C-alpha atoms as a PDB file:
ATOM      1  CA  MET A   1      31.553  43.892  45.032  1.00  0.00           C
ATOM      2  CA  PRO A   2      29.029  41.058  44.463  1.00  0.00           C
ATOM      3  CA  ASN A   3      30.482  37.599  44.032  1.00  0.00           C
ATOM      4  CA  ALA A   4      29.837  36.387  40.468  1.00  0.00           C
ATOM      5  CA  ASN A   5      29.803  32.756  41.591  1.00  0.00           C
ATOM      6  CA  ARG A   6      27.366  33.311  44.424  1.00  0.00           C
ATOM      7  CA  GLY A   7      24.225  31.205  44.091  1.00  0.00           C
ATOM      8  CA  ALA A   8      25.701  29.299  41.170  1.00  0.00           C
ATOM      9  CA  VAL A   9      27.136  25.853  41.476  1.00  0.00           C
ATOM     10  CA  GLY A  10      30.390  25.290  39.688  1.00  0.00           C
ATOM     11  CA  PHE A  11      28.896  23.229  36.806  1.00  0.00           C
ATOM     12  CA  GLN A  12      26.070  23.414  34.337  1.00  0.00           C
ATOM     13  CA  SER A  13      23.033  21.230  35.040  1.00  0.00           C
ATOM     14  CA  SER A  14      23.121  20.048  31.407  1.00  0.00           C
ATOM     15  CA  GLU A  15      26.176  17.932  32.318  1.00  0.00           C
ATOM     16  CA  PHE A  16      23.896  15.972  34.642  1.00  0.00           C
ATOM     17  CA  GLU A  17      21.192  15.656  32.008  1.00  0.00           C
ATOM     18  CA  GLU A  18      23.611  14.216  29.475  1.00  0.00           C
ATOM     19  CA  LYS A  19      24.885  11.753  32.025  1.00  0.00           C
ATOM     20  CA  TYR A  20      21.412  10.406  32.806  1.00  0.00           C
ATOM     21  CA  GLU A  21      20.003  10.278  29.283  1.00  0.00           C
ATOM     22  CA  ARG A  22      21.742   6.946  28.786  1.00  0.00           C
ATOM     23  CA  PRO A  23      19.791   3.876  30.012  1.00  0.00           C
ATOM     24  CA  SER A  24      20.700   2.706  33.519  1.00  0.00           C
ATOM     25  CA  LYS A  25      22.581  -0.557  34.081  1.00  0.00           C
ATOM     26  CA  THR A  26      19.347  -2.180  35.246  1.00  0.00           C
ATOM     27  CA  GLU A  27      17.522  -1.072  32.080  1.00  0.00           C
ATOM     28  CA  LEU A  28      20.364  -2.347  29.870  1.00  0.00           C
ATOM     29  CA  LYS A  29      20.296  -5.702  31.699  1.00  0.00           C
ATOM     30  CA  ARG A  30      16.513  -5.900  31.223  1.00  0.00           C
ATOM     31  CA  GLN A  31      16.836  -5.186  27.473  1.00  0.00           C
ATOM     32  CA  SER A  32      19.646  -7.720  27.170  1.00  0.00           C
ATOM     33  CA  ASP A  33      17.595 -10.414  28.959  1.00  0.00           C
ATOM     34  CA  ALA A  34      14.567  -9.684  26.745  1.00  0.00           C
ATOM     35  CA  LEU A  35      16.704 -10.163  23.606  1.00  0.00           C
ATOM     36  CA  GLN A  36      18.194 -13.363  25.062  1.00  0.00           C
ATOM     37  CA  ASP A  37      14.636 -14.675  25.668  1.00  0.00           C
ATOM     38  CA  LEU A  38      13.602 -13.693  22.138  1.00  0.00           C
ATOM     39  CA  GLY A  39      16.587 -15.606  20.764  1.00  0.00           C
ATOM     40  CA  GLN A  40      15.657 -18.653  22.847  1.00  0.00           C
ATOM     41  CA  GLU A  41      12.074 -18.463  21.594  1.00  0.00           C
ATOM     42  CA  LEU A  42      13.371 -18.558  18.010  1.00  0.00           C
ATOM     43  CA  VAL A  43      15.646 -21.517  18.817  1.00  0.00           C
ATOM     44  CA  GLU A  44      12.585 -23.453  20.037  1.00  0.00           C
ATOM     45  CA  GLN A  45      10.648 -22.843  16.783  1.00  0.00           C
ATOM     46  CA  PRO A  46      10.656 -25.271  13.810  1.00  0.00           C
ATOM     47  CA  ARG A  47      13.591 -24.665  11.436  1.00  0.00           C
ATOM     48  CA  ASP A  48      11.431 -23.799   8.401  1.00  0.00           C
ATOM     49  CA  ARG A  49       9.709 -21.090  10.463  1.00  0.00           C
ATOM     50  CA  VAL A  50      13.036 -19.596  11.578  1.00  0.00           C
ATOM     51  CA  LYS A  51      14.244 -19.525   7.966  1.00  0.00           C
ATOM     52  CA  ARG A  52      11.245 -17.357   7.010  1.00  0.00           C
ATOM     53  CA  VAL A  53      11.818 -14.728   9.723  1.00  0.00           C
ATOM     54  CA  PRO A  54      13.297 -11.506   8.296  1.00  0.00           C
ATOM     55  CA  MET A  55      16.672 -11.090  10.060  1.00  0.00           C
ATOM     56  CA  PRO A  56      20.381 -10.786   9.239  1.00  0.00           C
ATOM     57  CA  GLU A  57      21.942 -14.006   8.000  1.00  0.00           C
ATOM     58  CA  ASP A  58      24.559 -14.275  10.784  1.00  0.00           C
ATOM     59  CA  VAL A  59      21.814 -14.143  13.446  1.00  0.00           C
ATOM     60  CA  ARG A  60      19.749 -16.797  11.631  1.00  0.00           C
ATOM     61  CA  ASP A  61      22.837 -19.024  11.244  1.00  0.00           C
ATOM     62  CA  ALA A  62      23.559 -18.781  14.990  1.00  0.00           C
ATOM     63  CA  ILE A  63      19.957 -19.809  15.782  1.00  0.00           C
ATOM     64  CA  LEU A  64      19.926 -22.715  13.309  1.00  0.00           C
ATOM     65  CA  GLU A  65      23.326 -23.865  14.619  1.00  0.00           C
ATOM     66  CA  CYS A  66      21.970 -23.838  18.168  1.00  0.00           C
ATOM     67  CA  GLN A  67      19.069 -26.068  17.092  1.00  0.00           C
ATOM     68  CA  ASN A  68      21.592 -28.674  15.892  1.00  0.00           C
ATOM     69  CA  ILE A  69      23.487 -28.872  19.210  1.00  0.00           C
ATOM     70  CA  LYS A  70      22.275 -31.669  21.498  1.00  0.00           C
ATOM     71  CA  ASN A  71      25.017 -31.407  24.149  1.00  0.00           C
ATOM     72  CA  HIS A  72      23.643 -29.447  27.136  1.00  0.00           C
ATOM     73  CA  GLU A  73      26.733 -27.309  27.816  1.00  0.00           C
ATOM     74  CA  GLY A  74      27.401 -26.706  24.108  1.00  0.00           C
ATOM     75  CA  ARG A  75      23.800 -25.644  23.609  1.00  0.00           C
ATOM     76  CA  ARG A  76      23.946 -23.311  26.618  1.00  0.00           C
ATOM     77  CA  ARG A  77      27.077 -21.626  25.221  1.00  0.00           C
ATOM     78  CA  GLN A  78      25.511 -21.323  21.765  1.00  0.00           C
ATOM     79  CA  LEU A  79      22.372 -19.797  23.331  1.00  0.00           C
ATOM     80  CA  GLN A  80      24.611 -17.181  24.968  1.00  0.00           C
ATOM     81  CA  PHE A  81      26.086 -16.511  21.513  1.00  0.00           C
ATOM     82  CA  VAL A  82      22.575 -16.214  20.035  1.00  0.00           C
ATOM     83  CA  GLY A  83      21.809 -13.631  22.752  1.00  0.00           C
ATOM     84  CA  LYS A  84      24.966 -11.714  21.818  1.00  0.00           C
ATOM     85  CA  LYS A  85      23.939 -11.763  18.146  1.00  0.00           C
ATOM     86  CA  MET A  86      20.407 -10.604  19.040  1.00  0.00           C
ATOM     87  CA  ARG A  87      21.940  -7.537  20.740  1.00  0.00           C
ATOM     88  CA  THR A  88      23.455  -6.477  17.402  1.00  0.00           C
ATOM     89  CA  LEU A  89      19.981  -6.057  15.858  1.00  0.00           C
ATOM     90  CA  THR A  90      18.402  -2.647  15.358  1.00  0.00           C
ATOM     91  CA  ASP A  91      15.137  -1.764  17.124  1.00  0.00           C
ATOM     92  CA  GLU A  92      13.326  -2.117  13.779  1.00  0.00           C
ATOM     93  CA  GLU A  93      14.708  -5.637  13.195  1.00  0.00           C
ATOM     94  CA  VAL A  94      13.716  -6.692  16.723  1.00  0.00           C
ATOM     95  CA  ALA A  95      10.201  -5.247  16.204  1.00  0.00           C
ATOM     96  CA  VAL A  96       9.780  -7.247  12.965  1.00  0.00           C
ATOM     97  CA  ILE A  97      10.887 -10.474  14.703  1.00  0.00           C
ATOM     98  CA  ARG A  98       8.511  -9.853  17.633  1.00  0.00           C
ATOM     99  CA  GLN A  99       5.670  -9.148  15.200  1.00  0.00           C
ATOM    100  CA  THR A 100       6.371 -12.393  13.316  1.00  0.00           C
ATOM    101  CA  ILE A 101       6.327 -14.430  16.555  1.00  0.00           C
ATOM    102  CA  GLU A 102       3.098 -12.717  17.665  1.00  0.00           C
ATOM    103  CA  GLY A 103       1.622 -13.617  14.266  1.00  0.00           C
ATOM    104  CA  TRP A 104       2.480 -17.287  14.853  1.00  0.00           C
ATOM    105  CA  LYS A 105       0.897 -17.183  18.295  1.00  0.00           C
ATOM    106  CA  GLY A 106      -2.238 -15.552  16.927  1.00  0.00           C
ATOM    107  CA  ALA A 107      -2.490 -18.111  14.145  1.00  0.00           C
ATOM    108  CA  SER A 108      -1.913 -21.049  16.464  1.00  0.00           C
ATOM    109  CA  LYS A 109      -4.466 -19.674  18.969  1.00  0.00           C
ATOM    110  CA  ALA A 110      -7.055 -19.456  16.186  1.00  0.00           C
ATOM    111  CA  ASP A 111      -6.170 -22.978  14.992  1.00  0.00           C
ATOM    112  CA  THR A 112      -6.430 -24.349  18.532  1.00  0.00           C
ATOM    113  CA  ALA A 113      -9.814 -22.666  19.046  1.00  0.00           C
ATOM    114  CA  ALA A 114     -11.070 -24.136  15.745  1.00  0.00           C
ATOM    115  CA  LEU A 115      -9.925 -27.647  16.744  1.00  0.00           C
ATOM    116  CA  HIS A 116     -11.634 -27.320  20.142  1.00  0.00           C
ATOM    117  CA  ALA A 117     -14.860 -26.281  18.388  1.00  0.00           C
ATOM    118  CA  LEU A 118     -14.642 -29.404  16.174  1.00  0.00           C
ATOM    119  CA  GLU A 119     -14.016 -31.606  19.212  1.00  0.00           C
ATOM    120  CA  ARG A 120     -17.093 -30.127  20.938  1.00  0.00           C
ATOM    121  CA  ARG A 121     -19.171 -30.805  17.821  1.00  0.00           C
ATOM    122  CA  ARG A 122     -17.987 -34.422  17.722  1.00  0.00           C
ATOM    123  CA  GLU A 123     -18.936 -34.879  21.404  1.00  0.00           C
ATOM    124  CA  LYS A 124     -22.374 -33.439  20.627  1.00  0.00           C
ATOM    125  CA  LEU A 125     -22.814 -35.900  17.740  1.00  0.00           C
ATOM    126  CA  LEU A 126     -22.098 -38.798  20.100  1.00  0.00           C
ATOM    127  CA  ALA A 127     -24.325 -37.482  22.871  1.00  0.00           C
ATOM    128  CA  ASP A 128     -27.312 -36.149  20.948  1.00  0.00           C
ATOM    129  CA  ASP A 129     -29.017 -37.515  17.794  1.00  0.00           C
ATOM    130  CA  LYS A 130     -30.384 -34.038  17.002  1.00  0.00           C
ATOM    131  CA  ALA A 131     -26.805 -32.875  16.385  1.00  0.00           C
ATOM    132  CA  LEU A 132     -26.589 -35.288  13.429  1.00  0.00           C
ATOM    133  CA  THR A 133     -29.850 -33.901  11.991  1.00  0.00           C
ATOM    134  CA  THR A 134     -28.413 -30.356  12.239  1.00  0.00           C
ATOM    135  CA  LEU A 135     -25.134 -31.439  10.617  1.00  0.00           C
ATOM    136  CA  LEU A 136     -26.997 -33.088   7.724  1.00  0.00           C
ATOM    137  CA  GLU A 137     -29.203 -30.025   7.202  1.00  0.00           C
ATOM    138  CA  GLU A 138     -26.063 -27.867   6.926  1.00  0.00           C
ATOM    139  CA  ASN A 139     -24.220 -30.409   4.729  1.00  0.00           C
ATOM    140  CA  PRO A 140     -26.760 -32.418   2.659  1.00  0.00           C
ATOM    141  CA  GLU A 141     -23.933 -33.956   0.596  1.00  0.00           C
ATOM    142  CA  LEU A 142     -22.818 -36.139   3.558  1.00  0.00           C
ATOM    143  CA  ASP A 143     -23.430 -39.883   3.575  1.00  0.00           C
ATOM    144  CA  VAL A 144     -26.087 -40.362   6.301  1.00  0.00           C
ATOM    145  CA  GLN A 145     -25.642 -44.134   6.654  1.00  0.00           C
ATOM    146  CA  HIS A 146     -21.870 -43.894   6.918  1.00  0.00           C
ATOM    147  CA  LEU A 147     -22.107 -41.191   9.599  1.00  0.00           C
ATOM    148  CA  ARG A 148     -24.700 -43.152  11.612  1.00  0.00           C
ATOM    149  CA  THR A 149     -22.439 -46.232  11.508  1.00  0.00           C
ATOM    150  CA  LEU A 150     -19.423 -44.185  12.608  1.00  0.00           C
ATOM    151  CA  ILE A 151     -21.339 -42.625  15.509  1.00  0.00           C
ATOM    152  CA  ARG A 152     -22.617 -46.059  16.613  1.00  0.00           C
ATOM    153  CA  ASN A 153     -19.083 -47.519  16.397  1.00  0.00           C
ATOM    154  CA  ALA A 154     -17.535 -44.549  18.248  1.00  0.00           C
ATOM    155  CA  ARG A 155     -20.016 -44.970  21.108  1.00  0.00           C
ATOM    156  CA  LYS A 156     -19.157 -48.686  21.226  1.00  0.00           C
ATOM    157  CA  GLU A 157     -15.397 -47.890  21.237  1.00  0.00           C
ATOM    158  CA  GLN A 158     -15.865 -45.584  24.218  1.00  0.00           C
ATOM    159  CA  ALA A 159     -18.032 -48.063  26.114  1.00  0.00           C
ATOM    160  CA  GLU A 160     -15.578 -50.930  25.555  1.00  0.00           C
ATOM    161  CA  ASN A 161     -12.357 -48.870  25.854  1.00  0.00           C
ATOM    162  CA  LYS A 162     -11.330 -49.819  22.323  1.00  0.00           C
ATOM    163  CA  PRO A 163      -8.959 -47.789  20.082  1.00  0.00           C
ATOM    164  CA  PRO A 164     -10.839 -44.677  18.848  1.00  0.00           C
ATOM    165  CA  LYS A 165     -10.868 -45.497  15.110  1.00  0.00           C
ATOM    166  CA  ALA A 166     -14.437 -44.351  14.299  1.00  0.00           C
ATOM    167  CA  TYR A 167     -14.058 -41.507  16.812  1.00  0.00           C
ATOM    168  CA  ARG A 168     -11.066 -40.166  14.819  1.00  0.00           C
ATOM    169  CA  GLU A 169     -12.820 -40.657  11.503  1.00  0.00           C
ATOM    170  CA  ILE A 170     -15.758 -38.512  12.659  1.00  0.00           C
ATOM    171  CA  PHE A 171     -13.285 -35.784  13.599  1.00  0.00           C
ATOM    172  CA  GLN A 172     -11.665 -36.002  10.150  1.00  0.00           C
ATOM    173  CA  ILE A 173     -15.070 -35.613   8.451  1.00  0.00           C
ATOM    174  CA  LEU A 174     -15.844 -32.540  10.596  1.00  0.00           C
ATOM    175  CA  LYS A 175     -12.388 -31.136   9.832  1.00  0.00           C
ATOM    176  CA  ASP A 176     -12.950 -31.575   6.066  1.00  0.00           C
ATOM    177  CA  ILE A 177     -16.353 -29.838   6.313  1.00  0.00           C
ATOM    178  CA  ASP A 178     -14.734 -26.971   8.221  1.00  0.00           C
ATOM    179  CA  ALA A 179     -11.879 -26.680   5.681  1.00  0.00           C
ATOM    180  CA  LYS A 180     -14.368 -26.538   2.788  1.00  0.00           C
ATOM    181  CA  ALA A 181     -16.438 -23.894   4.576  1.00  0.00           C
ATOM    182  CA  ARG A 182     -13.329 -21.798   5.268  1.00  0.00           C
ATOM    183  CA  GLY A 183     -12.192 -22.166   1.662  1.00  0.00           C
ATOM    184  CA  ALA A 184     -15.610 -21.080   0.383  1.00  0.00           C
ATOM    185  CA  ALA A 185     -15.675 -18.098   2.772  1.00  0.00           C
ATOM    186  CA  LYS A 186     -12.174 -17.057   1.689  1.00  0.00           C
ATOM    187  CA  LYS A 187     -13.089 -17.343  -1.997  1.00  0.00           C
ATOM    188  CA  ALA A 188     -16.268 -15.292  -1.446  1.00  0.00           C
ATOM    189  CA  ALA A 189     -14.266 -12.611   0.375  1.00  0.00           C
ATOM    190  CA  GLU A 190     -11.691 -12.487  -2.447  1.00  0.00           C
ATOM    191  CA  GLU A 191     -14.414 -12.214  -5.103  1.00  0.00           C
ATOM    192  CA  GLU A 192     -16.045  -9.438  -3.098  1.00  0.00           C
ATOM    193  CA  GLU A 193     -12.719  -7.564  -2.956  1.00  0.00           C
ATOM    194  CA  GLU A 194     -12.245  -7.987  -6.696  1.00  0.00           C
ATOM    195  CA  GLY A 195     -15.773  -6.651  -7.288  1.00  0.00           C
ATOM    196  CA  GLU A 196     -14.969  -3.584  -5.167  1.00  0.00           C
ATOM    197  CA  ASP A 197     -11.733  -3.047  -7.121  1.00  0.00           C
ATOM    198  CA  ASP A 198     -13.650  -3.169 -10.399  1.00  0.00           C
ATOM    199  CA  GLU A 199     -16.085  -0.538  -9.156  1.00  0.00           C
ATOM    200  CA  GLU A 200     -13.281   1.922  -8.336  1.00  0.00           C
END
């Protein structure tokens, strides 16, 4: 008589599958560390930014509390608590927080790039008189004499290692021009959108 158990092992393979569907200890540790790091990143942000992040109140309170603690050991313990609170969040809540932080980074990268562009333009103004002609062609409302004086003074400041008063003022003028241009571009884009809405 054939043996019914022959060739079969005494358990179903699905038992194994169920056992290994759960994340491994290493994976859980990795997820836990990532949430701890995310919590720390929030602790290092300005308070008003943290207050605007969509998250449960108890998690926000733990983060804001941590920002108040100056004592090294107390802060370390509170950071551990923040990590524990972060682990109570759902995947959706974590995704929203990550997205918000990425948004800040994107915005600050764009701001930094814009400031670098203004700094390069200021250097050009000091190094090359043609740069002033170009600037005046683009912005005829600017006071030519005032700008020439500022450029002359900024060059003198650099040559004599004096405080960069005129140098900073040139930057401020360029920044104002840039802000106006951005504002005008934004307004034009909004008007264009409104026009498209009217057509629909």
